[in-house]
Amino acid sequence: MIGLLLRGVFSALGLWLATFLIAGLTFNKPDTIIVAGLVLGIVNALLRPLLVILTLPITIVTLGLFLLVINAAMVALVARLLPGMHVAGFGAALGTAIIVSVVGWFGGALARGR
């Protein structure tokens, strides 16, 4: 449970950073970023592993680059679920997914003490 909450916090931090770097990502209210981070953490924990398994052949053929498309789809799904989050298109979702992934990776490494 703590890991899921921590994943949500890192996702929210990545979304907050992405609002400054990605032109097509907007939030109506600041507290929507926190909710979006928690929802993105839950979606990534529950739905992403299933999509990774289902798309394994194309992921292998693209040498893992298709995982970026899956991450962008997760961001777009969260934007569709939350009324206060808006993503302008695939490019904005992809950029947001990359930023959230990098922040989550660094945050996870810091949380483990490395």
PDB file of N, CA and C in Angstrom:
ATOM      1  N   MET A   1       0.822  -1.191   0.000  1.00  0.00           N
ATOM      2  CA  MET A   1       0.000   0.000   0.000  1.00  0.00           C
ATOM      3  C   MET A   1       0.868   1.258   0.000  1.00  0.00           C
ATOM      4  N   ILE A   2       1.945   1.238   0.768  1.00  0.00           N
ATOM      5  CA  ILE A   2       2.838   2.385   0.825  1.00  0.00           C
ATOM      6  C   ILE A   2       3.491   2.594  -0.540  1.00  0.00           C
ATOM      7  N   GLY A   3       3.860   1.505  -1.210  1.00  0.00           N
ATOM      8  CA  GLY A   3       4.478   1.603  -2.524  1.00  0.00           C
ATOM      9  C   GLY A   3       3.540   2.231  -3.550  1.00  0.00           C
ATOM     10  N   LEU A   4       2.257   1.878  -3.489  1.00  0.00           N
ATOM     11  CA  LEU A   4       1.277   2.448  -4.399  1.00  0.00           C
ATOM     12  C   LEU A   4       1.095   3.939  -4.132  1.00  0.00           C
ATOM     13  N   LEU A   5       1.053   4.314  -2.875  1.00  0.00           N
ATOM     14  CA  LEU A   5       0.927   5.725  -2.517  1.00  0.00           C
ATOM     15  C   LEU A   5       2.168   6.503  -2.935  1.00  0.00           C
ATOM     16  N   LEU A   6       3.325   5.917  -2.727  1.00  0.00           N
ATOM     17  CA  LEU A   6       4.578   6.561  -3.129  1.00  0.00           C
ATOM     18  C   LEU A   6       4.647   6.715  -4.652  1.00  0.00           C
ATOM     19  N   ARG A   7       4.194   5.725  -5.377  1.00  0.00           N
ATOM     20  CA  ARG A   7       4.142   5.806  -6.840  1.00  0.00           C
ATOM     21  C   ARG A   7       3.218   6.942  -7.287  1.00  0.00           C
ATOM     22  N   GLY A   8       2.107   7.093  -6.582  1.00  0.00           N
ATOM     23  CA  GLY A   8       1.180   8.180  -6.893  1.00  0.00           C
ATOM     24  C   GLY A   8       1.775   9.546  -6.615  1.00  0.00           C
ATOM     25  N   VAL A   9       2.539   9.661  -5.524  1.00  0.00           N
ATOM     26  CA  VAL A   9       3.186  10.931  -5.192  1.00  0.00           C
ATOM     27  C   VAL A   9       4.233  11.284  -6.249  1.00  0.00           C
ATOM     28  N   PHE A  10       5.023  10.325  -6.677  1.00  0.00           N
ATOM     29  CA  PHE A  10       6.021  10.589  -7.713  1.00  0.00           C
ATOM     30  C   PHE A  10       5.360  10.914  -9.049  1.00  0.00           C
ATOM     31  N   SER A  11       4.238  10.272  -9.330  1.00  0.00           N
ATOM     32  CA  SER A  11       3.504  10.590 -10.556  1.00  0.00           C
ATOM     33  C   SER A  11       2.969  12.019 -10.502  1.00  0.00           C
ATOM     34  N   ALA A  12       2.442  12.421  -9.344  1.00  0.00           N
ATOM     35  CA  ALA A  12       1.944  13.789  -9.187  1.00  0.00           C
ATOM     36  C   ALA A  12       3.078  14.799  -9.341  1.00  0.00           C
ATOM     37  N   LEU A  13       4.227  14.483  -8.791  1.00  0.00           N
ATOM     38  CA  LEU A  13       5.384  15.364  -8.932  1.00  0.00           C
ATOM     39  C   LEU A  13       5.814  15.470 -10.403  1.00  0.00           C
ATOM     40  N   GLY A  14       5.799  14.356 -11.104  1.00  0.00           N
ATOM     41  CA  GLY A  14       6.127  14.363 -12.528  1.00  0.00           C
ATOM     42  C   GLY A  14       5.102  15.139 -13.344  1.00  0.00           C
ATOM     43  N   LEU A  15       3.823  15.004 -13.009  1.00  0.00           N
ATOM     44  CA  LEU A  15       2.789  15.760 -13.705  1.00  0.00           C
ATOM     45  C   LEU A  15       2.938  17.258 -13.451  1.00  0.00           C
ATOM     46  N   TRP A  16       3.281  17.609 -12.222  1.00  0.00           N
ATOM     47  CA  TRP A  16       3.488  19.017 -11.886  1.00  0.00           C
ATOM     48  C   TRP A  16       4.642  19.594 -12.702  1.00  0.00           C
ATOM     49  N   LEU A  17       5.727  18.858 -12.791  1.00  0.00           N
ATOM     50  CA  LEU A  17       6.869  19.301 -13.583  1.00  0.00           C
ATOM     51  C   LEU A  17       6.508  19.373 -15.066  1.00  0.00           C
ATOM     52  N   ALA A  18       5.724  18.427 -15.536  1.00  0.00           N
ATOM     53  CA  ALA A  18       5.341  18.394 -16.949  1.00  0.00           C
ATOM     54  C   ALA A  18       4.462  19.582 -17.329  1.00  0.00           C
ATOM     55  N   THR A  19       3.711  20.131 -16.383  1.00  0.00           N
ATOM     56  CA  THR A  19       2.880  21.289 -16.711  1.00  0.00           C
ATOM     57  C   THR A  19       3.724  22.488 -17.115  1.00  0.00           C
ATOM     58  N   PHE A  20       4.946  22.556 -16.621  1.00  0.00           N
ATOM     59  CA  PHE A  20       5.837  23.653 -16.989  1.00  0.00           C
ATOM     60  C   PHE A  20       6.580  23.377 -18.302  1.00  0.00           C
ATOM     61  N   LEU A  21       6.790  22.119 -18.635  1.00  0.00           N
ATOM     62  CA  LEU A  21       7.612  21.761 -19.783  1.00  0.00           C
ATOM     63  C   LEU A  21       6.818  21.378 -21.033  1.00  0.00           C
ATOM     64  N   ILE A  22       5.593  20.930 -20.872  1.00  0.00           N
ATOM     65  CA  ILE A  22       4.773  20.459 -21.988  1.00  0.00           C
ATOM     66  C   ILE A  22       3.638  21.454 -22.213  1.00  0.00           C
ATOM     67  N   ALA A  23       3.574  21.998 -23.418  1.00  0.00           N
ATOM     68  CA  ALA A  23       2.582  23.035 -23.714  1.00  0.00           C
ATOM     69  C   ALA A  23       1.151  22.495 -23.753  1.00  0.00           C
ATOM     70  N   GLY A  24       0.947  21.257 -24.103  1.00  0.00           N
ATOM     71  CA  GLY A  24      -0.394  20.714 -24.264  1.00  0.00           C
ATOM     72  C   GLY A  24      -0.992  20.086 -23.024  1.00  0.00           C
ATOM     73  N   LEU A  25      -0.363  20.235 -21.871  1.00  0.00           N
ATOM     74  CA  LEU A  25      -0.865  19.644 -20.631  1.00  0.00           C
ATOM     75  C   LEU A  25      -1.345  20.759 -19.715  1.00  0.00           C
ATOM     76  N   THR A  26      -2.618  20.720 -19.340  1.00  0.00           N
ATOM     77  CA  THR A  26      -3.170  21.732 -18.434  1.00  0.00           C
ATOM     78  C   THR A  26      -4.043  21.078 -17.375  1.00  0.00           C
ATOM     79  N   PHE A  27      -4.108  21.732 -16.239  1.00  0.00           N
ATOM     80  CA  PHE A  27      -4.969  21.324 -15.130  1.00  0.00           C
ATOM     81  C   PHE A  27      -5.811  22.525 -14.729  1.00  0.00           C
ATOM     82  N   ASN A  28      -7.092  22.287 -14.429  1.00  0.00           N
ATOM     83  CA  ASN A  28      -7.969  23.383 -14.030  1.00  0.00           C
ATOM     84  C   ASN A  28      -7.635  23.898 -12.639  1.00  0.00           C
ATOM     85  N   LYS A  29      -7.332  22.992 -11.721  1.00  0.00           N
ATOM     86  CA  LYS A  29      -7.014  23.369 -10.346  1.00  0.00           C
ATOM     87  C   LYS A  29      -5.758  22.624  -9.906  1.00  0.00           C
ATOM     88  N   PRO A  30      -4.988  23.212  -9.002  1.00  0.00           N
ATOM     89  CA  PRO A  30      -3.771  22.529  -8.540  1.00  0.00           C
ATOM     90  C   PRO A  30      -4.033  21.190  -7.845  1.00  0.00           C
ATOM     91  N   ASP A  31      -5.158  21.066  -7.153  1.00  0.00           N
ATOM     92  CA  ASP A  31      -5.407  19.793  -6.468  1.00  0.00           C
ATOM     93  C   ASP A  31      -5.736  18.666  -7.442  1.00  0.00           C
ATOM     94  N   THR A  32      -6.077  19.014  -8.671  1.00  0.00           N
ATOM     95  CA  THR A  32      -6.314  17.992  -9.693  1.00  0.00           C
ATOM     96  C   THR A  32      -5.022  17.258 -10.024  1.00  0.00           C
ATOM     97  N   ILE A  33      -3.890  17.939  -9.889  1.00  0.00           N
ATOM     98  CA  ILE A  33      -2.597  17.297 -10.147  1.00  0.00           C
ATOM     99  C   ILE A  33      -2.376  16.153  -9.159  1.00  0.00           C
ATOM    100  N   ILE A  34      -2.723  16.364  -7.902  1.00  0.00           N
ATOM    101  CA  ILE A  34      -2.554  15.316  -6.884  1.00  0.00           C
ATOM    102  C   ILE A  34      -3.455  14.131  -7.187  1.00  0.00           C
ATOM    103  N   VAL A  35      -4.713  14.414  -7.513  1.00  0.00           N
ATOM    104  CA  VAL A  35      -5.653  13.334  -7.840  1.00  0.00           C
ATOM    105  C   VAL A  35      -5.188  12.596  -9.095  1.00  0.00           C
ATOM    106  N   ALA A  36      -4.733  13.352 -10.104  1.00  0.00           N
ATOM    107  CA  ALA A  36      -4.253  12.733 -11.344  1.00  0.00           C
ATOM    108  C   ALA A  36      -3.036  11.853 -11.075  1.00  0.00           C
ATOM    109  N   GLY A  37      -2.148  12.300 -10.200  1.00  0.00           N
ATOM    110  CA  GLY A  37      -0.986  11.486  -9.851  1.00  0.00           C
ATOM    111  C   GLY A  37      -1.378  10.188  -9.180  1.00  0.00           C
ATOM    112  N   LEU A  38      -2.341  10.258  -8.268  1.00  0.00           N
ATOM    113  CA  LEU A  38      -2.799   9.038  -7.593  1.00  0.00           C
ATOM    114  C   LEU A  38      -3.502   8.101  -8.569  1.00  0.00           C
ATOM    115  N   VAL A  39      -4.347   8.664  -9.438  1.00  0.00           N
ATOM    116  CA  VAL A  39      -5.042   7.827 -10.429  1.00  0.00           C
ATOM    117  C   VAL A  39      -4.042   7.223 -11.412  1.00  0.00           C
ATOM    118  N   LEU A  40      -3.053   8.020 -11.832  1.00  0.00           N
ATOM    119  CA  LEU A  40      -2.030   7.497 -12.737  1.00  0.00           C
ATOM    120  C   LEU A  40      -1.226   6.387 -12.076  1.00  0.00           C
ATOM    121  N   GLY A  41      -0.928   6.532 -10.801  1.00  0.00           N
ATOM    122  CA  GLY A  41      -0.233   5.470 -10.069  1.00  0.00           C
ATOM    123  C   GLY A  41      -1.045   4.189 -10.014  1.00  0.00           C
ATOM    124  N   ILE A  42      -2.345   4.322  -9.789  1.00  0.00           N
ATOM    125  CA  ILE A  42      -3.220   3.144  -9.732  1.00  0.00           C
ATOM    126  C   ILE A  42      -3.346   2.501 -11.112  1.00  0.00           C
ATOM    127  N   VAL A  43      -3.545   3.334 -12.141  1.00  0.00           N
ATOM    128  CA  VAL A  43      -3.677   2.812 -13.509  1.00  0.00           C
ATOM    129  C   VAL A  43      -2.393   2.104 -13.938  1.00  0.00           C
ATOM    130  N   ASN A  44      -1.246   2.709 -13.608  1.00  0.00           N
ATOM    131  CA  ASN A  44       0.026   2.077 -13.967  1.00  0.00           C
ATOM    132  C   ASN A  44       0.251   0.779 -13.208  1.00  0.00           C
ATOM    133  N   ALA A  45      -0.248   0.695 -12.004  1.00  0.00           N
ATOM    134  CA  ALA A  45      -0.069  -0.530 -11.218  1.00  0.00           C
ATOM    135  C   ALA A  45      -1.010  -1.647 -11.668  1.00  0.00           C
ATOM    136  N   LEU A  46      -2.201  -1.300 -12.124  1.00  0.00           N
ATOM    137  CA  LEU A  46      -3.191  -2.319 -12.449  1.00  0.00           C
ATOM    138  C   LEU A  46      -3.290  -2.637 -13.940  1.00  0.00           C
ATOM    139  N   LEU A  47      -3.350  -1.610 -14.778  1.00  0.00           N
ATOM    140  CA  LEU A  47      -3.627  -1.818 -16.190  1.00  0.00           C
ATOM    141  C   LEU A  47      -2.371  -1.959 -17.040  1.00  0.00           C
ATOM    142  N   ARG A  48      -1.318  -1.233 -16.703  1.00  0.00           N
ATOM    143  CA  ARG A  48      -0.098  -1.238 -17.515  1.00  0.00           C
ATOM    144  C   ARG A  48       0.532  -2.628 -17.649  1.00  0.00           C
ATOM    145  N   PRO A  49       0.642  -3.427 -16.572  1.00  0.00           N
ATOM    146  CA  PRO A  49       1.239  -4.770 -16.745  1.00  0.00           C
ATOM    147  C   PRO A  49       0.467  -5.644 -17.730  1.00  0.00           C
ATOM    148  N   LEU A  50      -0.851  -5.533 -17.727  1.00  0.00           N
ATOM    149  CA  LEU A  50      -1.652  -6.302 -18.672  1.00  0.00           C
ATOM    150  C   LEU A  50      -1.377  -5.858 -20.105  1.00  0.00           C
ATOM    151  N   LEU A  51      -1.302  -4.546 -20.324  1.00  0.00           N
ATOM    152  CA  LEU A  51      -1.010  -4.045 -21.666  1.00  0.00           C
ATOM    153  C   LEU A  51       0.397  -4.413 -22.123  1.00  0.00           C
ATOM    154  N   VAL A  52       1.339  -4.422 -21.200  1.00  0.00           N
ATOM    155  CA  VAL A  52       2.709  -4.807 -21.560  1.00  0.00           C
ATOM    156  C   VAL A  52       2.749  -6.262 -22.012  1.00  0.00           C
ATOM    157  N   ILE A  53       2.035  -7.123 -21.328  1.00  0.00           N
ATOM    158  CA  ILE A  53       2.003  -8.538 -21.714  1.00  0.00           C
ATOM    159  C   ILE A  53       1.293  -8.725 -23.051  1.00  0.00           C
ATOM    160  N   LEU A  54       0.170  -8.020 -23.244  1.00  0.00           N
ATOM    161  CA  LEU A  54      -0.578  -8.168 -24.494  1.00  0.00           C
ATOM    162  C   LEU A  54       0.178  -7.632 -25.703  1.00  0.00           C
ATOM    163  N   THR A  55       1.018  -6.636 -25.505  1.00  0.00           N
ATOM    164  CA  THR A  55       1.747  -6.032 -26.624  1.00  0.00           C
ATOM    165  C   THR A  55       3.214  -6.453 -26.649  1.00  0.00           C
ATOM    166  N   LEU A  56       3.529  -7.547 -25.994  1.00  0.00           N
ATOM    167  CA  LEU A  56       4.917  -7.998 -25.916  1.00  0.00           C
ATOM    168  C   LEU A  56       5.573  -8.217 -27.288  1.00  0.00           C
ATOM    169  N   PRO A  57       4.896  -8.820 -28.261  1.00  0.00           N
ATOM    170  CA  PRO A  57       5.567  -9.000 -29.559  1.00  0.00           C
ATOM    171  C   PRO A  57       5.984  -7.678 -30.214  1.00  0.00           C
ATOM    172  N   ILE A  58       5.104  -6.685 -30.213  1.00  0.00           N
ATOM    173  CA  ILE A  58       5.465  -5.410 -30.836  1.00  0.00           C
ATOM    174  C   ILE A  58       6.511  -4.673 -30.000  1.00  0.00           C
ATOM    175  N   THR A  59       6.489  -4.883 -28.694  1.00  0.00           N
ATOM    176  CA  THR A  59       7.502  -4.277 -27.842  1.00  0.00           C
ATOM    177  C   THR A  59       8.876  -4.865 -28.139  1.00  0.00           C
ATOM    178  N   ILE A  60       8.931  -6.158 -28.378  1.00  0.00           N
ATOM    179  CA  ILE A  60      10.206  -6.799 -28.712  1.00  0.00           C
ATOM    180  C   ILE A  60      10.697  -6.325 -30.079  1.00  0.00           C
ATOM    181  N   VAL A  61       9.796  -6.244 -31.046  1.00  0.00           N
ATOM    182  CA  VAL A  61      10.184  -5.812 -32.393  1.00  0.00           C
ATOM    183  C   VAL A  61      10.707  -4.374 -32.376  1.00  0.00           C
ATOM    184  N   THR A  62      10.106  -3.509 -31.556  1.00  0.00           N
ATOM    185  CA  THR A  62      10.530  -2.105 -31.495  1.00  0.00           C
ATOM    186  C   THR A  62      11.615  -1.873 -30.451  1.00  0.00           C
ATOM    187  N   LEU A  63      12.179  -2.954 -29.923  1.00  0.00           N
ATOM    188  CA  LEU A  63      13.249  -2.885 -28.923  1.00  0.00           C
ATOM    189  C   LEU A  63      12.845  -2.088 -27.683  1.00  0.00           C
ATOM    190  N   GLY A  64      11.589  -2.204 -27.296  1.00  0.00           N
ATOM    191  CA  GLY A  64      11.101  -1.578 -26.075  1.00  0.00           C
ATOM    192  C   GLY A  64      10.539  -0.185 -26.239  1.00  0.00           C
ATOM    193  N   LEU A  65      10.665   0.400 -27.423  1.00  0.00           N
ATOM    194  CA  LEU A  65      10.161   1.754 -27.624  1.00  0.00           C
ATOM    195  C   LEU A  65       8.639   1.834 -27.576  1.00  0.00           C
ATOM    196  N   PHE A  66       7.967   0.730 -27.816  1.00  0.00           N
ATOM    197  CA  PHE A  66       6.505   0.737 -27.747  1.00  0.00           C
ATOM    198  C   PHE A  66       6.012   0.966 -26.323  1.00  0.00           C
ATOM    199  N   LEU A  67       6.866   0.740 -25.341  1.00  0.00           N
ATOM    200  CA  LEU A  67       6.488   1.024 -23.960  1.00  0.00           C
ATOM    201  C   LEU A  67       6.194   2.509 -23.764  1.00  0.00           C
ATOM    202  N   LEU A  68       6.845   3.368 -24.538  1.00  0.00           N
ATOM    203  CA  LEU A  68       6.537   4.798 -24.485  1.00  0.00           C
ATOM    204  C   LEU A  68       5.112   5.071 -24.942  1.00  0.00           C
ATOM    205  N   VAL A  69       4.656   4.333 -25.943  1.00  0.00           N
ATOM    206  CA  VAL A  69       3.279   4.478 -26.424  1.00  0.00           C
ATOM    207  C   VAL A  69       2.303   4.025 -25.350  1.00  0.00           C
ATOM    208  N   ILE A  70       2.631   2.947 -24.657  1.00  0.00           N
ATOM    209  CA  ILE A  70       1.771   2.468 -23.568  1.00  0.00           C
ATOM    210  C   ILE A  70       1.713   3.501 -22.453  1.00  0.00           C
ATOM    211  N   ASN A  71       2.847   4.085 -22.096  1.00  0.00           N
ATOM    212  CA  ASN A  71       2.860   5.119 -21.054  1.00  0.00           C
ATOM    213  C   ASN A  71       2.043   6.329 -21.479  1.00  0.00           C
ATOM    214  N   ALA A  72       2.154   6.727 -22.751  1.00  0.00           N
ATOM    215  CA  ALA A  72       1.362   7.854 -23.253  1.00  0.00           C
ATOM    216  C   ALA A  72      -0.129   7.523 -23.212  1.00  0.00           C
ATOM    217  N   ALA A  73      -0.469   6.281 -23.509  1.00  0.00           N
ATOM    218  CA  ALA A  73      -1.872   5.864 -23.447  1.00  0.00           C
ATOM    219  C   ALA A  73      -2.395   5.913 -22.018  1.00  0.00           C
ATOM    220  N   MET A  74      -1.559   5.588 -21.045  1.00  0.00           N
ATOM    221  CA  MET A  74      -1.975   5.671 -19.644  1.00  0.00           C
ATOM    222  C   MET A  74      -2.242   7.122 -19.235  1.00  0.00           C
ATOM    223  N   VAL A  75      -1.389   8.032 -19.683  1.00  0.00           N
ATOM    224  CA  VAL A  75      -1.596   9.458 -19.395  1.00  0.00           C
ATOM    225  C   VAL A  75      -2.883   9.946 -20.059  1.00  0.00           C
ATOM    226  N   ALA A  76      -3.102   9.551 -21.305  1.00  0.00           N
ATOM    227  CA  ALA A  76      -4.318   9.949 -22.012  1.00  0.00           C
ATOM    228  C   ALA A  76      -5.564   9.375 -21.350  1.00  0.00           C
ATOM    229  N   LEU A  77      -5.475   8.143 -20.856  1.00  0.00           N
ATOM    230  CA  LEU A  77      -6.609   7.532 -20.163  1.00  0.00           C
ATOM    231  C   LEU A  77      -6.949   8.305 -18.894  1.00  0.00           C
ATOM    232  N   VAL A  78      -5.944   8.671 -18.131  1.00  0.00           N
ATOM    233  CA  VAL A  78      -6.188   9.447 -16.910  1.00  0.00           C
ATOM    234  C   VAL A  78      -6.801  10.800 -17.255  1.00  0.00           C
ATOM    235  N   ALA A  79      -6.337  11.415 -18.349  1.00  0.00           N
ATOM    236  CA  ALA A  79      -6.904  12.698 -18.772  1.00  0.00           C
ATOM    237  C   ALA A  79      -8.370  12.549 -19.169  1.00  0.00           C
ATOM    238  N   ARG A  80      -8.725  11.409 -19.749  1.00  0.00           N
ATOM    239  CA  ARG A  80     -10.132  11.167 -20.102  1.00  0.00           C
ATOM    240  C   ARG A  80     -10.986  10.905 -18.873  1.00  0.00           C
ATOM    241  N   LEU A  81     -10.395  10.306 -17.838  1.00  0.00           N
ATOM    242  CA  LEU A  81     -11.144   9.994 -16.623  1.00  0.00           C
ATOM    243  C   LEU A  81     -11.356  11.214 -15.735  1.00  0.00           C
ATOM    244  N   LEU A  82     -10.392  12.109 -15.685  1.00  0.00           N
ATOM    245  CA  LEU A  82     -10.470  13.271 -14.799  1.00  0.00           C
ATOM    246  C   LEU A  82     -10.937  14.497 -15.573  1.00  0.00           C
ATOM    247  N   PRO A  83     -12.001  15.145 -15.109  1.00  0.00           N
ATOM    248  CA  PRO A  83     -12.513  16.297 -15.848  1.00  0.00           C
ATOM    249  C   PRO A  83     -11.603  17.527 -15.803  1.00  0.00           C
ATOM    250  N   GLY A  84     -10.727  17.655 -14.829  1.00  0.00           N
ATOM    251  CA  GLY A  84      -9.883  18.840 -14.728  1.00  0.00           C
ATOM    252  C   GLY A  84      -8.530  18.722 -15.387  1.00  0.00           C
ATOM    253  N   MET A  85      -8.248  17.606 -16.039  1.00  0.00           N
ATOM    254  CA  MET A  85      -6.955  17.391 -16.699  1.00  0.00           C
ATOM    255  C   MET A  85      -7.168  17.351 -18.204  1.00  0.00           C
ATOM    256  N   HIS A  86      -6.330  18.102 -18.946  1.00  0.00           N
ATOM    257  CA  HIS A  86      -6.479  18.174 -20.394  1.00  0.00           C
ATOM    258  C   HIS A  86      -5.128  17.913 -21.060  1.00  0.00           C
ATOM    259  N   VAL A  87      -5.110  16.979 -22.002  1.00  0.00           N
ATOM    260  CA  VAL A  87      -3.916  16.686 -22.798  1.00  0.00           C
ATOM    261  C   VAL A  87      -4.277  16.982 -24.247  1.00  0.00           C
ATOM    262  N   ALA A  88      -3.477  17.822 -24.913  1.00  0.00           N
ATOM    263  CA  ALA A  88      -3.813  18.323 -26.247  1.00  0.00           C
ATOM    264  C   ALA A  88      -3.739  17.241 -27.329  1.00  0.00           C
ATOM    265  N   GLY A  89      -2.881  16.270 -27.200  1.00  0.00           N
ATOM    266  CA  GLY A  89      -2.757  15.245 -28.234  1.00  0.00           C
ATOM    267  C   GLY A  89      -1.728  14.209 -27.844  1.00  0.00           C
ATOM    268  N   PHE A  90      -1.386  13.374 -28.829  1.00  0.00           N
ATOM    269  CA  PHE A  90      -0.453  12.292 -28.549  1.00  0.00           C
ATOM    270  C   PHE A  90       0.927  12.810 -28.176  1.00  0.00           C
ATOM    271  N   GLY A  91       1.376  13.858 -28.827  1.00  0.00           N
ATOM    272  CA  GLY A  91       2.697  14.419 -28.522  1.00  0.00           C
ATOM    273  C   GLY A  91       2.788  14.920 -27.092  1.00  0.00           C
ATOM    274  N   ALA A  92       1.739  15.581 -26.647  1.00  0.00           N
ATOM    275  CA  ALA A  92       1.718  16.068 -25.266  1.00  0.00           C
ATOM    276  C   ALA A  92       1.650  14.906 -24.286  1.00  0.00           C
ATOM    277  N   ALA A  93       0.881  13.882 -24.619  1.00  0.00           N
ATOM    278  CA  ALA A  93       0.793  12.701 -23.752  1.00  0.00           C
ATOM    279  C   ALA A  93       2.132  11.969 -23.698  1.00  0.00           C
ATOM    280  N   LEU A  94       2.813  11.887 -24.850  1.00  0.00           N
ATOM    281  CA  LEU A  94       4.113  11.212 -24.893  1.00  0.00           C
ATOM    282  C   LEU A  94       5.150  11.979 -24.076  1.00  0.00           C
ATOM    283  N   GLY A  95       5.208  13.287 -24.257  1.00  0.00           N
ATOM    284  CA  GLY A  95       6.144  14.097 -23.477  1.00  0.00           C
ATOM    285  C   GLY A  95       5.865  14.017 -21.988  1.00  0.00           C
ATOM    286  N   THR A  96       4.588  14.058 -21.627  1.00  0.00           N
ATOM    287  CA  THR A  96       4.211  13.939 -20.223  1.00  0.00           C
ATOM    288  C   THR A  96       4.612  12.578 -19.672  1.00  0.00           C
ATOM    289  N   ALA A  97       4.374  11.522 -20.444  1.00  0.00           N
ATOM    290  CA  ALA A  97       4.723  10.174 -19.998  1.00  0.00           C
ATOM    291  C   ALA A  97       6.223  10.039 -19.777  1.00  0.00           C
ATOM    292  N   ILE A  98       7.012  10.646 -20.646  1.00  0.00           N
ATOM    293  CA  ILE A  98       8.474  10.568 -20.491  1.00  0.00           C
ATOM    294  C   ILE A  98       8.904  11.288 -19.215  1.00  0.00           C
ATOM    295  N   ILE A  99       8.360  12.474 -18.986  1.00  0.00           N
ATOM    296  CA  ILE A  99       8.731  13.231 -17.789  1.00  0.00           C
ATOM    297  C   ILE A  99       8.290  12.497 -16.523  1.00  0.00           C
ATOM    298  N   VAL A 100       7.070  11.978 -16.515  1.00  0.00           N
ATOM    299  CA  VAL A 100       6.577  11.248 -15.340  1.00  0.00           C
ATOM    300  C   VAL A 100       7.415   9.995 -15.103  1.00  0.00           C
ATOM    301  N   SER A 101       7.815   9.316 -16.162  1.00  0.00           N
ATOM    302  CA  SER A 101       8.645   8.116 -16.015  1.00  0.00           C
ATOM    303  C   SER A 101      10.012   8.446 -15.434  1.00  0.00           C
ATOM    304  N   VAL A 102      10.631   9.514 -15.914  1.00  0.00           N
ATOM    305  CA  VAL A 102      11.954   9.891 -15.415  1.00  0.00           C
ATOM    306  C   VAL A 102      11.873  10.320 -13.952  1.00  0.00           C
ATOM    307  N   VAL A 103      10.864  11.119 -13.613  1.00  0.00           N
ATOM    308  CA  VAL A 103      10.703  11.544 -12.218  1.00  0.00           C
ATOM    309  C   VAL A 103      10.412  10.341 -11.325  1.00  0.00           C
ATOM    310  N   GLY A 104       9.581   9.431 -11.793  1.00  0.00           N
ATOM    311  CA  GLY A 104       9.292   8.222 -11.017  1.00  0.00           C
ATOM    312  C   GLY A 104      10.512   7.342 -10.837  1.00  0.00           C
ATOM    313  N   TRP A 105      11.338   7.276 -11.873  1.00  0.00           N
ATOM    314  CA  TRP A 105      12.560   6.474 -11.781  1.00  0.00           C
ATOM    315  C   TRP A 105      13.517   7.068 -10.751  1.00  0.00           C
ATOM    316  N   PHE A 106      13.744   8.383 -10.829  1.00  0.00           N
ATOM    317  CA  PHE A 106      14.614   9.034  -9.847  1.00  0.00           C
ATOM    318  C   PHE A 106      14.026   8.964  -8.444  1.00  0.00           C
ATOM    319  N   GLY A 107      12.727   9.183  -8.333  1.00  0.00           N
ATOM    320  CA  GLY A 107      12.071   9.122  -7.029  1.00  0.00           C
ATOM    321  C   GLY A 107      12.148   7.733  -6.417  1.00  0.00           C
ATOM    322  N   GLY A 108      11.952   6.708  -7.242  1.00  0.00           N
ATOM    323  CA  GLY A 108      12.069   5.339  -6.746  1.00  0.00           C
ATOM    324  C   GLY A 108      13.476   5.010  -6.285  1.00  0.00           C
ATOM    325  N   ALA A 109      14.459   5.533  -7.025  1.00  0.00           N
ATOM    326  CA  ALA A 109      15.857   5.297  -6.627  1.00  0.00           C
ATOM    327  C   ALA A 109      16.161   6.012  -5.314  1.00  0.00           C
ATOM    328  N   LEU A 110      15.651   7.208  -5.132  1.00  0.00           N
ATOM    329  CA  LEU A 110      15.849   7.926  -3.874  1.00  0.00           C
ATOM    330  C   LEU A 110      15.127   7.241  -2.714  1.00  0.00           C
ATOM    331  N   ALA A 111      13.945   6.719  -2.978  1.00  0.00           N
ATOM    332  CA  ALA A 111      13.177   6.046  -1.926  1.00  0.00           C
ATOM    333  C   ALA A 111      13.858   4.760  -1.479  1.00  0.00           C
ATOM    334  N   ARG A 112      14.539   4.111  -2.403  1.00  0.00           N
ATOM    335  CA  ARG A 112      15.267   2.879  -2.033  1.00  0.00           C
ATOM    336  C   ARG A 112      16.606   3.181  -1.389  1.00  0.00           C
ATOM    337  N   GLY A 113      17.033   4.446  -1.444  1.00  0.00           N
ATOM    338  CA  GLY A 113      18.264   4.819  -0.789  1.00  0.00           C
ATOM    339  C   GLY A 113      19.511   4.692  -1.635  1.00  0.00           C
ATOM    340  N   ARG A 114      19.366   4.690  -2.953  1.00  0.00           N
ATOM    341  CA  ARG A 114      20.526   4.574  -3.834  1.00  0.00           C
ATOM    342  C   ARG A 114      20.987   5.928  -4.279  1.00  0.00           C
TER     343      ARG A 114
END
